[in-house]
Amino acid sequence: MQKDKEWHRNKRKANESADRRETRMQKDKEWHRNKRKANESADRREIRLQKDKEWHRNKRQCIGTGAMSAVHSLDDFQFTTTSDIGAMTYRCVSCGSLMFKSECHTGTDTSATFSMCCSHGQVKLPALLDPPHEIRTLLSENSANGRHFRQYIRAYNSNNALASLGVQEDQIQGRGPYTFRVHGSVFHRIGPLLPADNSKPQFAQIYFYDTDEQIDLHVSANSQLHPRILTDIQAMLRQGVIPLYTSSR
């Protein structure tokens, strides 16, 4: 009886279509998986659940990039291992940049030199100029205005700009942190000195109005900005670049 049963099973396998064979193998795979789950110990079950959790986490991160298109099970997924290259604590004796130990070319831990930062001291950049007093205060003080300025620093920068940025942005599809990439050249766009009819002044056009009206125009463009901070920034700009721009010929 056992031999007859085995013979008929083999005959059905030999005559089955590709679709039926795929269905049968899927059912066999599911049966064996359930059998292993039923007989596994508590420790092995904990390990399996942890691997499943890690696999689903990595799959969610890769959705949208096509990286998971060929992955069907844990056996198909190649888990990556982390590599620790140490902390960025090695300081270049030529320029003072913090680097990794593996990036060192010559020297010891206390006298290391690198080529990636300053080409062993051949590249020397001038020291950064101190910011104006108004900006230095906003960047360093722990007041409400200082904290607000640092939180919305990009908005303040854009709001007080004299020109707008023109680029052809390279859009990246998929999930992950936003990355601003430019394809081609970068342009600074400066419009006419006066706004078009029924249009609000913007960018350099604002600086041809009275001081109080300038603040109102800045706030109307972004209500999150504080008028007091804008007043300080305006006073700083009037001591430098604004007179040069508005009086140019």
C-alpha atoms as a PDB file:
ATOM      1  CA  MET A   1       0.000   0.000   0.000  1.00  0.00           C
ATOM      2  CA  GLN A   2       2.785   2.408   0.880  1.00  0.00           C
ATOM      3  CA  LYS A   3       4.585   1.716  -2.401  1.00  0.00           C
ATOM      4  CA  ASP A   4       1.356   2.204  -4.388  1.00  0.00           C
ATOM      5  CA  LYS A   5       0.722   5.472  -2.604  1.00  0.00           C
ATOM      6  CA  GLU A   6       4.251   6.681  -3.389  1.00  0.00           C
ATOM      7  CA  TRP A   7       3.895   5.586  -7.043  1.00  0.00           C
ATOM      8  CA  HIS A   8       0.669   7.552  -7.536  1.00  0.00           C
ATOM      9  CA  ARG A   9       2.186  10.635  -5.873  1.00  0.00           C
ATOM     10  CA  ASN A  10       5.181  10.537  -8.225  1.00  0.00           C
ATOM     11  CA  LYS A  11       2.876  10.059 -11.233  1.00  0.00           C
ATOM     12  CA  ARG A  12       0.812  13.110 -10.276  1.00  0.00           C
ATOM     13  CA  LYS A  13       4.021  15.147  -9.944  1.00  0.00           C
ATOM     14  CA  ALA A  14       5.238  14.054 -13.366  1.00  0.00           C
ATOM     15  CA  ASN A  15       1.949  15.024 -15.070  1.00  0.00           C
ATOM     16  CA  GLU A  16       1.157  18.245 -13.211  1.00  0.00           C
ATOM     17  CA  SER A  17       1.334  21.639 -14.921  1.00  0.00           C
ATOM     18  CA  ALA A  18       3.733  24.398 -13.944  1.00  0.00           C
ATOM     19  CA  ASP A  19       0.985  26.310 -12.122  1.00  0.00           C
ATOM     20  CA  ARG A  20      -0.145  23.266 -10.127  1.00  0.00           C
ATOM     21  CA  ARG A  21       3.485  22.462  -9.284  1.00  0.00           C
ATOM     22  CA  GLU A  22       4.012  26.008  -8.005  1.00  0.00           C
ATOM     23  CA  THR A  23       0.853  25.781  -5.869  1.00  0.00           C
ATOM     24  CA  ARG A  24       1.887  22.384  -4.449  1.00  0.00           C
ATOM     25  CA  MET A  25       5.401  23.567  -3.581  1.00  0.00           C
ATOM     26  CA  GLN A  26       3.998  26.684  -1.902  1.00  0.00           C
ATOM     27  CA  LYS A  27       1.671  24.524   0.224  1.00  0.00           C
ATOM     28  CA  ASP A  28       4.542  22.161   1.109  1.00  0.00           C
ATOM     29  CA  LYS A  29       6.702  25.102   2.102  1.00  0.00           C
ATOM     30  CA  GLU A  30       3.925  26.524   4.280  1.00  0.00           C
ATOM     31  CA  TRP A  31       3.325  23.121   5.908  1.00  0.00           C
ATOM     32  CA  HIS A  32       6.992  22.670   6.786  1.00  0.00           C
ATOM     33  CA  ARG A  33       7.191  26.227   8.114  1.00  0.00           C
ATOM     34  CA  ASN A  34       4.196  25.657  10.403  1.00  0.00           C
ATOM     35  CA  LYS A  35       5.649  22.356  11.550  1.00  0.00           C
ATOM     36  CA  ARG A  36       8.932  24.014  12.508  1.00  0.00           C
ATOM     37  CA  LYS A  37       7.032  26.704  14.408  1.00  0.00           C
ATOM     38  CA  ALA A  38       5.029  24.107  16.333  1.00  0.00           C
ATOM     39  CA  ASN A  39       8.164  22.210  17.404  1.00  0.00           C
ATOM     40  CA  GLU A  40      10.505  25.142  18.075  1.00  0.00           C
ATOM     41  CA  SER A  41      11.646  26.053  21.565  1.00  0.00           C
ATOM     42  CA  ALA A  42      10.934  29.369  23.260  1.00  0.00           C
ATOM     43  CA  ASP A  43      14.502  30.583  22.558  1.00  0.00           C
ATOM     44  CA  ARG A  44      14.350  29.712  18.867  1.00  0.00           C
ATOM     45  CA  ARG A  45      10.910  31.349  18.599  1.00  0.00           C
ATOM     46  CA  GLU A  46      12.311  34.557  20.141  1.00  0.00           C
ATOM     47  CA  ILE A  47      15.198  34.570  17.639  1.00  0.00           C
ATOM     48  CA  ARG A  48      12.824  33.979  14.703  1.00  0.00           C
ATOM     49  CA  LEU A  49      10.469  36.758  15.762  1.00  0.00           C
ATOM     50  CA  GLN A  50      13.402  39.164  16.163  1.00  0.00           C
ATOM     51  CA  LYS A  51      14.662  38.344  12.661  1.00  0.00           C
ATOM     52  CA  ASP A  52      11.170  38.804  11.214  1.00  0.00           C
ATOM     53  CA  LYS A  53      10.875  42.166  12.949  1.00  0.00           C
ATOM     54  CA  GLU A  54      14.259  43.298  11.582  1.00  0.00           C
ATOM     55  CA  TRP A  55      13.384  42.140   8.073  1.00  0.00           C
ATOM     56  CA  HIS A  56      10.083  44.053   8.024  1.00  0.00           C
ATOM     57  CA  ARG A  57      11.824  47.178   9.359  1.00  0.00           C
ATOM     58  CA  ASN A  58      14.407  47.070   6.556  1.00  0.00           C
ATOM     59  CA  LYS A  59      11.693  46.387   4.000  1.00  0.00           C
ATOM     60  CA  ARG A  60       9.744  49.501   5.050  1.00  0.00           C
ATOM     61  CA  GLN A  61      12.908  51.595   4.686  1.00  0.00           C
ATOM     62  CA  CYS A  62      13.533  50.289   1.166  1.00  0.00           C
ATOM     63  CA  ILE A  63       9.985  50.694  -0.191  1.00  0.00           C
ATOM     64  CA  GLY A  64       9.944  53.066  -3.109  1.00  0.00           C
ATOM     65  CA  THR A  65      13.541  52.511  -4.174  1.00  0.00           C
ATOM     66  CA  GLY A  66      13.045  49.106  -5.819  1.00  0.00           C
ATOM     67  CA  ALA A  67      15.657  47.585  -3.519  1.00  0.00           C
ATOM     68  CA  MET A  68      13.135  45.047  -2.164  1.00  0.00           C
ATOM     69  CA  SER A  69      11.608  44.003  -5.477  1.00  0.00           C
ATOM     70  CA  ALA A  70      13.432  40.671  -5.547  1.00  0.00           C
ATOM     71  CA  VAL A  71      13.067  39.872  -1.823  1.00  0.00           C
ATOM     72  CA  HIS A  72      10.426  37.287  -0.958  1.00  0.00           C
ATOM     73  CA  SER A  73      11.544  35.698   2.306  1.00  0.00           C
ATOM     74  CA  LEU A  74      14.121  35.972   5.037  1.00  0.00           C
ATOM     75  CA  ASP A  75      16.314  33.504   3.153  1.00  0.00           C
ATOM     76  CA  ASP A  76      16.463  35.925   0.188  1.00  0.00           C
ATOM     77  CA  PHE A  77      17.345  38.974   2.284  1.00  0.00           C
ATOM     78  CA  GLN A  78      20.996  39.756   2.877  1.00  0.00           C
ATOM     79  CA  PHE A  79      21.334  41.487   6.251  1.00  0.00           C
ATOM     80  CA  THR A  80      24.127  44.024   6.414  1.00  0.00           C
ATOM     81  CA  THR A  81      26.590  44.228   9.265  1.00  0.00           C
ATOM     82  CA  THR A  82      27.770  47.434  10.876  1.00  0.00           C
ATOM     83  CA  SER A  83      31.375  48.562  10.763  1.00  0.00           C
ATOM     84  CA  ASP A  84      32.839  50.766  13.490  1.00  0.00           C
ATOM     85  CA  ILE A  85      35.728  52.984  12.375  1.00  0.00           C
ATOM     86  CA  GLY A  86      35.971  54.773  15.693  1.00  0.00           C
ATOM     87  CA  ALA A  87      35.189  58.318  16.687  1.00  0.00           C
ATOM     88  CA  MET A  88      36.178  61.446  14.764  1.00  0.00           C
ATOM     89  CA  THR A  89      38.701  62.538  17.397  1.00  0.00           C
ATOM     90  CA  TYR A  90      41.958  62.874  15.459  1.00  0.00           C
ATOM     91  CA  ARG A  91      42.858  66.507  14.838  1.00  0.00           C
ATOM     92  CA  CYS A  92      44.997  67.589  11.886  1.00  0.00           C
ATOM     93  CA  VAL A  93      48.050  69.469  13.158  1.00  0.00           C
ATOM     94  CA  SER A  94      48.044  71.686  10.040  1.00  0.00           C
ATOM     95  CA  CYS A  95      44.462  73.008   9.971  1.00  0.00           C
ATOM     96  CA  GLY A  96      42.814  71.605  13.101  1.00  0.00           C
ATOM     97  CA  SER A  97      40.113  69.605  11.316  1.00  0.00           C
ATOM     98  CA  LEU A  98      38.671  66.577  13.121  1.00  0.00           C
ATOM     99  CA  MET A  99      39.173  63.380  11.163  1.00  0.00           C
ATOM    100  CA  PHE A 100      38.973  59.589  11.561  1.00  0.00           C
ATOM    101  CA  LYS A 101      42.077  57.584  12.398  1.00  0.00           C
ATOM    102  CA  SER A 102      41.784  55.568   9.177  1.00  0.00           C
ATOM    103  CA  GLU A 103      42.084  58.810   7.175  1.00  0.00           C
ATOM    104  CA  CYS A 104      45.520  59.580   8.622  1.00  0.00           C
ATOM    105  CA  HIS A 105      48.423  59.569   6.148  1.00  0.00           C
ATOM    106  CA  THR A 106      51.445  60.396   8.241  1.00  0.00           C
ATOM    107  CA  GLY A 107      52.293  61.074  11.857  1.00  0.00           C
ATOM    108  CA  THR A 108      51.153  59.673  15.191  1.00  0.00           C
ATOM    109  CA  ASP A 109      48.018  60.152  17.255  1.00  0.00           C
ATOM    110  CA  THR A 110      49.248  63.558  18.436  1.00  0.00           C
ATOM    111  CA  SER A 111      50.934  64.706  15.201  1.00  0.00           C
ATOM    112  CA  ALA A 112      48.697  63.310  12.444  1.00  0.00           C
ATOM    113  CA  THR A 113      48.454  65.011   9.070  1.00  0.00           C
ATOM    114  CA  PHE A 114      45.778  64.445   6.446  1.00  0.00           C
ATOM    115  CA  SER A 115      45.293  65.141   2.749  1.00  0.00           C
ATOM    116  CA  MET A 116      41.487  65.302   2.629  1.00  0.00           C
ATOM    117  CA  CYS A 117      41.190  68.487   4.669  1.00  0.00           C
ATOM    118  CA  CYS A 118      44.173  70.692   3.749  1.00  0.00           C
ATOM    119  CA  SER A 119      46.505  68.497   1.675  1.00  0.00           C
ATOM    120  CA  HIS A 120      49.097  68.296   4.464  1.00  0.00           C
ATOM    121  CA  GLY A 121      48.980  72.023   5.169  1.00  0.00           C
ATOM    122  CA  GLN A 122      49.289  73.176   1.541  1.00  0.00           C
ATOM    123  CA  VAL A 123      45.763  74.662   1.482  1.00  0.00           C
ATOM    124  CA  LYS A 124      45.283  77.564   3.890  1.00  0.00           C
ATOM    125  CA  LEU A 125      41.891  79.253   4.157  1.00  0.00           C
ATOM    126  CA  PRO A 126      41.481  82.680   5.726  1.00  0.00           C
ATOM    127  CA  ALA A 127      39.822  82.770   9.128  1.00  0.00           C
ATOM    128  CA  LEU A 128      36.104  83.461   9.196  1.00  0.00           C
ATOM    129  CA  LEU A 129      35.150  87.044   9.997  1.00  0.00           C
ATOM    130  CA  ASP A 130      33.233  87.705  13.186  1.00  0.00           C
ATOM    131  CA  PRO A 131      29.508  88.199  12.532  1.00  0.00           C
ATOM    132  CA  PRO A 132      27.925  91.571  13.272  1.00  0.00           C
ATOM    133  CA  HIS A 133      27.009  92.216  16.879  1.00  0.00           C
ATOM    134  CA  GLU A 134      23.264  91.774  16.256  1.00  0.00           C
ATOM    135  CA  ILE A 135      23.718  88.359  14.638  1.00  0.00           C
ATOM    136  CA  ARG A 136      26.332  87.189  17.157  1.00  0.00           C
ATOM    137  CA  THR A 137      23.953  88.049  20.004  1.00  0.00           C
ATOM    138  CA  LEU A 138      21.060  86.145  18.429  1.00  0.00           C
ATOM    139  CA  LEU A 139      23.276  83.133  17.752  1.00  0.00           C
ATOM    140  CA  SER A 140      24.694  82.926  21.271  1.00  0.00           C
ATOM    141  CA  GLU A 141      22.214  84.276  23.804  1.00  0.00           C
ATOM    142  CA  ASN A 142      19.720  82.013  25.582  1.00  0.00           C
ATOM    143  CA  SER A 143      16.865  84.514  25.460  1.00  0.00           C
ATOM    144  CA  ALA A 144      13.468  83.960  23.866  1.00  0.00           C
ATOM    145  CA  ASN A 145      14.525  85.986  20.813  1.00  0.00           C
ATOM    146  CA  GLY A 146      17.778  84.043  20.472  1.00  0.00           C
ATOM    147  CA  ARG A 147      16.073  80.659  20.645  1.00  0.00           C
ATOM    148  CA  HIS A 148      13.382  81.768  18.196  1.00  0.00           C
ATOM    149  CA  PHE A 149      15.975  83.122  15.748  1.00  0.00           C
ATOM    150  CA  ARG A 150      17.993  79.879  15.773  1.00  0.00           C
ATOM    151  CA  GLN A 151      14.835  77.802  15.291  1.00  0.00           C
ATOM    152  CA  TYR A 152      13.728  79.826  12.244  1.00  0.00           C
ATOM    153  CA  ILE A 153      17.150  80.952  11.039  1.00  0.00           C
ATOM    154  CA  ARG A 154      16.556  79.800   7.456  1.00  0.00           C
ATOM    155  CA  ALA A 155      13.245  81.662   7.313  1.00  0.00           C
ATOM    156  CA  TYR A 156      14.934  84.866   8.540  1.00  0.00           C
ATOM    157  CA  ASN A 157      17.681  84.432   5.967  1.00  0.00           C
ATOM    158  CA  SER A 158      15.241  83.964   3.081  1.00  0.00           C
ATOM    159  CA  ASN A 159      12.995  86.771   4.297  1.00  0.00           C
ATOM    160  CA  ASN A 160      15.798  89.354   4.266  1.00  0.00           C
ATOM    161  CA  ALA A 161      17.449  88.213   1.030  1.00  0.00           C
ATOM    162  CA  LEU A 162      17.944  90.716  -1.787  1.00  0.00           C
ATOM    163  CA  ALA A 163      17.607  88.073  -4.503  1.00  0.00           C
ATOM    164  CA  SER A 164      15.914  84.725  -5.020  1.00  0.00           C
ATOM    165  CA  LEU A 165      17.662  81.449  -5.820  1.00  0.00           C
ATOM    166  CA  GLY A 166      17.200  79.945  -9.263  1.00  0.00           C
ATOM    167  CA  VAL A 167      18.212  76.319  -9.840  1.00  0.00           C
ATOM    168  CA  GLN A 168      17.168  73.207 -11.691  1.00  0.00           C
ATOM    169  CA  GLU A 169      16.537  70.897  -8.761  1.00  0.00           C
ATOM    170  CA  ASP A 170      17.350  67.213  -9.149  1.00  0.00           C
ATOM    171  CA  GLN A 171      14.349  65.461  -7.613  1.00  0.00           C
ATOM    172  CA  ILE A 172      15.051  62.149  -5.868  1.00  0.00           C
ATOM    173  CA  GLN A 173      12.182  59.691  -5.713  1.00  0.00           C
ATOM    174  CA  GLY A 174      11.651  57.465  -2.701  1.00  0.00           C
ATOM    175  CA  ARG A 175      11.683  57.719   1.065  1.00  0.00           C
ATOM    176  CA  GLY A 176      14.354  59.024   3.382  1.00  0.00           C
ATOM    177  CA  PRO A 177      15.629  62.393   4.550  1.00  0.00           C
ATOM    178  CA  TYR A 178      15.190  65.309   2.162  1.00  0.00           C
ATOM    179  CA  THR A 179      18.268  66.097   0.080  1.00  0.00           C
ATOM    180  CA  PHE A 180      18.553  69.286  -1.973  1.00  0.00           C
ATOM    181  CA  ARG A 181      20.477  68.525  -5.165  1.00  0.00           C
ATOM    182  CA  VAL A 182      21.151  70.947  -7.986  1.00  0.00           C
ATOM    183  CA  HIS A 183      21.581  69.977 -11.624  1.00  0.00           C
ATOM    184  CA  GLY A 184      23.517  72.543 -13.630  1.00  0.00           C
ATOM    185  CA  SER A 185      24.188  76.153 -12.671  1.00  0.00           C
ATOM    186  CA  VAL A 186      22.984  78.234  -9.736  1.00  0.00           C
ATOM    187  CA  PHE A 187      21.483  81.678 -10.414  1.00  0.00           C
ATOM    188  CA  HIS A 188      20.557  84.669  -8.260  1.00  0.00           C
ATOM    189  CA  ARG A 189      17.446  86.307  -9.649  1.00  0.00           C
ATOM    190  CA  ILE A 190      16.919  90.040  -9.166  1.00  0.00           C
ATOM    191  CA  GLY A 191      13.648  91.468 -10.379  1.00  0.00           C
ATOM    192  CA  PRO A 192      12.777  95.079 -11.267  1.00  0.00           C
ATOM    193  CA  LEU A 193      13.144  97.785  -8.633  1.00  0.00           C
ATOM    194  CA  LEU A 194       9.379  98.251  -8.408  1.00  0.00           C
ATOM    195  CA  PRO A 195       6.799  95.459  -8.050  1.00  0.00           C
ATOM    196  CA  ALA A 196       4.276  94.790 -10.773  1.00  0.00           C
ATOM    197  CA  ASP A 197       0.774  96.229 -10.501  1.00  0.00           C
ATOM    198  CA  ASN A 198      -1.296  94.743  -7.658  1.00  0.00           C
ATOM    199  CA  SER A 199       1.743  92.748  -6.448  1.00  0.00           C
ATOM    200  CA  LYS A 200       3.429  92.929  -3.061  1.00  0.00           C
ATOM    201  CA  PRO A 201       7.079  94.010  -2.936  1.00  0.00           C
ATOM    202  CA  GLN A 202       9.528  91.208  -2.327  1.00  0.00           C
ATOM    203  CA  PHE A 203      13.267  90.679  -1.910  1.00  0.00           C
ATOM    204  CA  ALA A 204      15.221  93.842  -2.842  1.00  0.00           C
ATOM    205  CA  GLN A 205      12.035  95.754  -3.706  1.00  0.00           C
ATOM    206  CA  ILE A 206      11.183  95.947   0.022  1.00  0.00           C
ATOM    207  CA  TYR A 207      14.221  98.066   0.841  1.00  0.00           C
ATOM    208  CA  PHE A 208      12.956 101.041  -1.175  1.00  0.00           C
ATOM    209  CA  TYR A 209      10.130 101.579   1.339  1.00  0.00           C
ATOM    210  CA  ASP A 210      10.198 103.284   4.734  1.00  0.00           C
ATOM    211  CA  THR A 211      11.648 101.322   7.658  1.00  0.00           C
ATOM    212  CA  ASP A 212       8.338 100.652   9.413  1.00  0.00           C
ATOM    213  CA  GLU A 213       6.709  99.594   6.183  1.00  0.00           C
ATOM    214  CA  GLN A 214       9.630  97.269   5.479  1.00  0.00           C
ATOM    215  CA  ILE A 215       8.964  95.421   8.755  1.00  0.00           C
ATOM    216  CA  ASP A 216       5.264  95.073   7.920  1.00  0.00           C
ATOM    217  CA  LEU A 217       6.111  93.660   4.493  1.00  0.00           C
ATOM    218  CA  HIS A 218       8.534  91.132   6.001  1.00  0.00           C
ATOM    219  CA  VAL A 219       5.982  89.987   8.583  1.00  0.00           C
ATOM    220  CA  SER A 220       3.229  89.703   5.974  1.00  0.00           C
ATOM    221  CA  ALA A 221       5.456  87.315   4.010  1.00  0.00           C
ATOM    222  CA  ASN A 222       5.970  85.048   7.049  1.00  0.00           C
ATOM    223  CA  SER A 223       3.874  85.544  10.181  1.00  0.00           C
ATOM    224  CA  GLN A 224       6.175  83.287  12.258  1.00  0.00           C
ATOM    225  CA  LEU A 225       8.924  85.931  12.285  1.00  0.00           C
ATOM    226  CA  HIS A 226       9.179  88.389  15.179  1.00  0.00           C
ATOM    227  CA  PRO A 227       9.033  92.112  14.325  1.00  0.00           C
ATOM    228  CA  ARG A 228      11.605  92.918  17.035  1.00  0.00           C
ATOM    229  CA  ILE A 229      14.179  90.550  15.534  1.00  0.00           C
ATOM    230  CA  LEU A 230      13.450  91.850  12.042  1.00  0.00           C
ATOM    231  CA  THR A 231      14.024  95.393  13.277  1.00  0.00           C
ATOM    232  CA  ASP A 232      17.483  94.454  14.604  1.00  0.00           C
ATOM    233  CA  ILE A 233      18.364  92.713  11.325  1.00  0.00           C
ATOM    234  CA  GLN A 234      17.159  95.704   9.321  1.00  0.00           C
ATOM    235  CA  ALA A 235      19.311  98.060  11.417  1.00  0.00           C
ATOM    236  CA  MET A 236      22.335  95.862  10.741  1.00  0.00           C
ATOM    237  CA  LEU A 237      21.680  95.740   6.991  1.00  0.00           C
ATOM    238  CA  ARG A 238      21.219  99.510   6.789  1.00  0.00           C
ATOM    239  CA  GLN A 239      24.753  99.918   8.127  1.00  0.00           C
ATOM    240  CA  GLY A 240      26.227  97.892   5.274  1.00  0.00           C
ATOM    241  CA  VAL A 241      24.739  96.429   2.131  1.00  0.00           C
ATOM    242  CA  ILE A 242      21.379  98.238   1.840  1.00  0.00           C
ATOM    243  CA  PRO A 243      22.785 101.753   1.223  1.00  0.00           C
ATOM    244  CA  LEU A 244      25.145 100.366  -1.398  1.00  0.00           C
ATOM    245  CA  TYR A 245      22.304  98.637  -3.219  1.00  0.00           C
ATOM    246  CA  THR A 246      19.720 101.417  -3.083  1.00  0.00           C
ATOM    247  CA  SER A 247      22.199 104.113  -4.178  1.00  0.00           C
ATOM    248  CA  SER A 248      23.843 102.135  -6.978  1.00  0.00           C
ATOM    249  CA  ARG A 249      23.668 103.453 -10.529  1.00  0.00           C
END
